[in-house]
Amino acid sequence: MITVEVVLAWPDRAASKVLTLAEGTTVAEAIALAGIEGSGQCPAVAVHGLLAKPDQVLREGDRVELLRPLLADPKDNRRRRARAGS
């Protein structure tokens, strides 16, 4: 058995579940078992901050991070800040 954490964070709150799973459990299986509300709207997943595929096998202590969609384009934000500063 392994212990992993599945996390989904919003700007004002976070949801987290610690799960004990069988060895060989995948990212997709862990997300389904966690049952965190809103996880279906997440376009990407990371394990310890690195993008992960749904079929990636988890290891002891992994932290599965559900990534929310971007609300603003980072490049546009950077351009806007650069214009305001000059």
Protein backbone atom coordinates (compact mmCIF):
# COMPACT_ATOMS: atom_id res chain seq x y z
CA MET A 1 0.00 0.00 0.00
CA ILE A 2 1.06 3.60 -0.68
CA THR A 3 -0.13 6.93 0.69
CA VAL A 4 -0.72 9.83 -1.71
CA GLU A 5 -2.39 13.22 -1.49
CA VAL A 6 -4.77 14.66 -4.11
CA VAL A 7 -5.13 18.46 -4.03
CA LEU A 8 -7.25 21.05 -5.83
CA ALA A 9 -6.67 24.72 -4.93
CA TRP A 10 -8.76 27.79 -5.71
CA PRO A 11 -7.72 31.39 -5.02
CA ASP A 12 -9.69 31.43 -1.76
CA ARG A 13 -9.71 27.78 -0.60
CA ALA A 14 -8.27 24.32 -1.17
CA ALA A 15 -9.53 20.74 -1.04
CA SER A 16 -7.21 17.89 -0.17
CA LYS A 17 -7.61 14.17 0.40
CA VAL A 18 -4.97 11.77 1.67
CA LEU A 19 -5.53 8.27 0.28
CA THR A 20 -4.07 4.87 1.01
CA LEU A 21 -3.97 2.99 -2.29
CA ALA A 22 -2.68 -0.23 -3.74
CA GLU A 23 0.71 -0.14 -5.42
CA GLY A 24 0.31 0.36 -9.15
CA THR A 25 -2.55 2.88 -8.80
CA THR A 26 -2.55 5.49 -11.56
CA VAL A 27 -3.08 9.24 -11.40
CA ALA A 28 -6.55 8.90 -12.97
CA GLU A 29 -7.58 6.23 -10.47
CA ALA A 30 -6.42 8.32 -7.52
CA ILE A 31 -8.36 11.35 -8.77
CA ALA A 32 -11.52 9.28 -9.18
CA LEU A 33 -11.14 7.75 -5.71
CA ALA A 34 -10.53 11.16 -4.10
CA GLY A 35 -13.89 12.41 -5.36
CA ILE A 36 -12.97 16.08 -4.99
CA GLU A 37 -15.71 18.35 -6.29
CA GLY A 38 -14.58 20.29 -9.36
CA SER A 39 -11.86 17.82 -10.38
CA GLY A 40 -13.67 17.12 -13.65
CA GLN A 41 -13.09 20.69 -14.84
CA CYS A 42 -9.32 20.51 -14.42
CA PRO A 43 -7.55 20.40 -17.79
CA ALA A 44 -4.23 19.10 -16.46
CA VAL A 45 -2.66 17.23 -13.57
CA ALA A 46 0.77 17.45 -11.97
CA VAL A 47 2.65 15.22 -9.56
CA HIS A 48 4.93 17.29 -7.33
CA GLY A 49 4.61 20.20 -9.78
CA LEU A 50 5.52 18.24 -12.93
CA LEU A 51 2.86 17.58 -15.56
CA ALA A 52 1.59 14.02 -15.35
CA LYS A 53 -0.41 11.75 -17.63
CA PRO A 54 -3.51 9.96 -16.34
CA ASP A 55 -1.86 6.55 -16.74
CA GLN A 56 1.24 7.50 -14.70
CA VAL A 57 1.73 5.10 -11.79
CA LEU A 58 1.94 6.77 -8.40
CA ARG A 59 4.59 6.16 -5.75
CA GLU A 60 4.63 6.49 -1.97
CA GLY A 61 4.27 10.11 -0.86
CA ASP A 62 3.25 11.53 -4.24
CA ARG A 63 1.17 14.71 -4.29
CA VAL A 64 -1.31 14.83 -7.18
CA GLU A 65 -2.18 18.44 -8.04
CA LEU A 66 -5.30 19.16 -10.07
CA LEU A 67 -4.54 22.20 -12.23
CA ARG A 68 -7.33 24.70 -12.88
CA PRO A 69 -7.76 26.41 -16.25
CA LEU A 70 -6.01 29.77 -16.64
CA LEU A 71 -8.30 32.77 -16.33
CA ALA A 72 -5.88 35.12 -18.08
CA ASP A 73 -3.07 34.65 -20.57
CA PRO A 74 0.25 35.08 -18.69
CA LYS A 75 1.87 36.66 -21.76
CA ASP A 76 -0.84 39.32 -21.97
CA ASN A 77 -0.50 40.05 -18.26
CA ARG A 78 3.28 40.44 -18.62
CA ARG A 79 2.88 42.80 -21.60
CA ARG A 80 0.32 44.88 -19.69
CA ARG A 81 2.66 45.19 -16.67
CA ALA A 82 5.60 46.13 -18.94
CA ARG A 83 3.56 48.90 -20.61
CA ALA A 84 2.40 50.27 -17.26
CA GLY A 85 5.98 50.40 -15.94
CA SER A 86 7.44 52.38 -18.84
